[in-house]
Amino acid sequence: TIVGKNNQLFIAYNNQEFAANNIITVKFADILSLRKKYLVRNYNKLSYADIVIPNTISIEDYISILQEDPNVLSIDLNSYGEYTSATSYERWQRKE
C-alpha cells in the first residue's frame, strides 16, 4: 500500500513503512520497445527494466499509465528499507 506523508511517499508493508524512491521495476513483453517510450535506467535479458518516474507525475498516476500498456506484464515498487530477500514490496501483475 502506498502512503503519503509530508510530501514523501512510503510503501506500507508488514506493519512498517519504507520510503519509496522514484524507480520502479517493470517486466515487459517486448523489452526493446520500452526504451523509446520510458526513461530506462537499466534492463536485463529477462525483460525486467528499472524505469525512472518523472518528477512531473505521481507514482500512482505513472503506474496507472503503465497498467494501460499491454506490453507491461508486471510492476514492482521499490523502496528504501530493511534488507530482505525481496527486491520490492508491492507488485501489480497483468491477469491473463
Protein backbone atom coordinates (compact mmCIF):
# COMPACT_ATOMS: atom_id res chain seq x y z
CA THR A 1 0.00 0.00 0.00
CA ILE A 2 1.30 3.45 -0.91
CA VAL A 3 1.02 6.05 1.87
CA GLY A 4 1.74 9.77 1.52
CA LYS A 5 3.17 11.78 4.43
CA ASN A 6 4.77 15.24 4.36
CA ASN A 7 5.26 15.22 0.57
CA GLN A 8 7.02 11.84 0.74
CA LEU A 9 5.64 8.50 -0.39
CA PHE A 10 6.02 5.38 1.70
CA ILE A 11 5.26 1.76 0.99
CA ALA A 12 3.44 0.22 3.94
CA TYR A 13 4.35 -3.44 4.36
CA ASN A 14 4.29 -5.84 7.28
CA ASN A 15 3.32 -3.10 9.80
CA GLN A 16 6.27 -0.93 8.68
CA GLU A 17 6.71 1.97 6.27
CA PHE A 18 9.59 2.27 3.82
CA ALA A 19 10.43 5.44 1.85
CA ALA A 20 9.59 4.93 -1.82
CA ASN A 21 12.10 6.00 -4.43
CA ASN A 22 11.44 7.27 -7.95
CA ILE A 23 12.36 4.00 -9.67
CA ILE A 24 10.05 1.08 -10.38
CA THR A 25 10.91 -2.31 -11.81
CA VAL A 26 8.77 -3.33 -14.75
CA LYS A 27 8.61 -6.62 -16.66
CA PHE A 28 7.88 -6.08 -20.33
CA ALA A 29 6.71 -8.50 -23.02
CA ASP A 30 8.97 -6.71 -25.55
CA ILE A 31 12.00 -5.17 -23.84
CA LEU A 32 13.27 -3.39 -26.96
CA SER A 33 10.17 -1.26 -27.50
CA LEU A 34 10.23 0.21 -23.98
CA ARG A 35 13.43 2.22 -24.49
CA LYS A 36 11.60 4.55 -26.87
CA LYS A 37 8.68 5.05 -24.51
CA TYR A 38 10.09 5.18 -20.98
CA LEU A 39 13.16 6.53 -19.18
CA VAL A 40 15.05 3.27 -18.65
CA ARG A 41 17.82 3.25 -16.06
CA ASN A 42 18.87 -0.33 -16.81
CA TYR A 43 17.40 -3.62 -18.01
CA ASN A 44 18.26 -7.29 -18.32
CA LYS A 45 17.67 -10.15 -20.74
CA LEU A 46 14.80 -11.47 -18.59
CA SER A 47 12.76 -8.43 -19.78
CA TYR A 48 12.90 -6.55 -16.46
CA ALA A 49 13.76 -2.86 -16.53
CA ASP A 50 14.23 -0.18 -13.90
CA ILE A 51 12.16 2.80 -15.02
CA VAL A 52 12.69 6.30 -13.64
CA ILE A 53 9.44 8.06 -12.73
CA PRO A 54 9.49 11.68 -13.95
CA ASN A 55 9.22 14.36 -11.24
CA THR A 56 6.23 15.83 -13.07
CA ILE A 57 3.89 12.92 -12.22
CA SER A 58 2.94 11.00 -9.09
CA ILE A 59 3.91 7.36 -8.63
CA GLU A 60 0.23 6.38 -8.58
CA ASP A 61 -0.53 8.19 -11.87
CA TYR A 62 2.56 6.77 -13.56
CA ILE A 63 1.63 3.24 -12.51
CA SER A 64 -1.87 3.79 -13.93
CA ILE A 65 -0.30 4.74 -17.27
CA LEU A 66 1.93 1.66 -17.22
CA GLN A 67 -1.01 -0.61 -16.39
CA GLU A 68 -2.71 0.53 -19.61
CA ASP A 69 0.30 -0.51 -21.71
CA PRO A 70 -0.32 -4.08 -23.00
CA ASN A 71 3.46 -4.57 -23.17
CA VAL A 72 3.71 -4.28 -19.35
CA LEU A 73 3.46 -7.66 -17.60
CA SER A 74 4.25 -6.66 -14.00
CA ILE A 75 5.22 -3.63 -11.92
CA ASP A 76 7.28 -3.74 -8.72
CA LEU A 77 7.55 -0.70 -6.45
CA ASN A 78 11.00 -0.19 -4.95
CA SER A 79 11.76 1.40 -1.61
CA TYR A 80 14.50 2.14 0.86
CA GLY A 81 14.22 -0.02 3.95
CA GLU A 82 15.44 -3.07 5.76
CA TYR A 83 17.26 -5.73 3.79
CA THR A 84 15.12 -8.66 2.72
CA SER A 85 15.37 -11.32 0.06
CA ALA A 86 12.65 -9.49 -1.91
CA THR A 87 13.50 -6.54 -4.14
CA SER A 88 10.23 -4.74 -3.56
CA TYR A 89 7.06 -4.88 -1.51
CA GLU A 90 4.23 -4.15 -3.91
CA ARG A 91 3.55 -5.87 -7.20
CA TRP A 92 0.98 -5.37 -9.90
CA GLN A 93 0.75 -8.21 -12.39
CA ARG A 94 -1.29 -8.41 -15.60
CA LYS A 95 -4.02 -11.06 -15.42
CA GLU A 96 -4.06 -13.43 -18.37
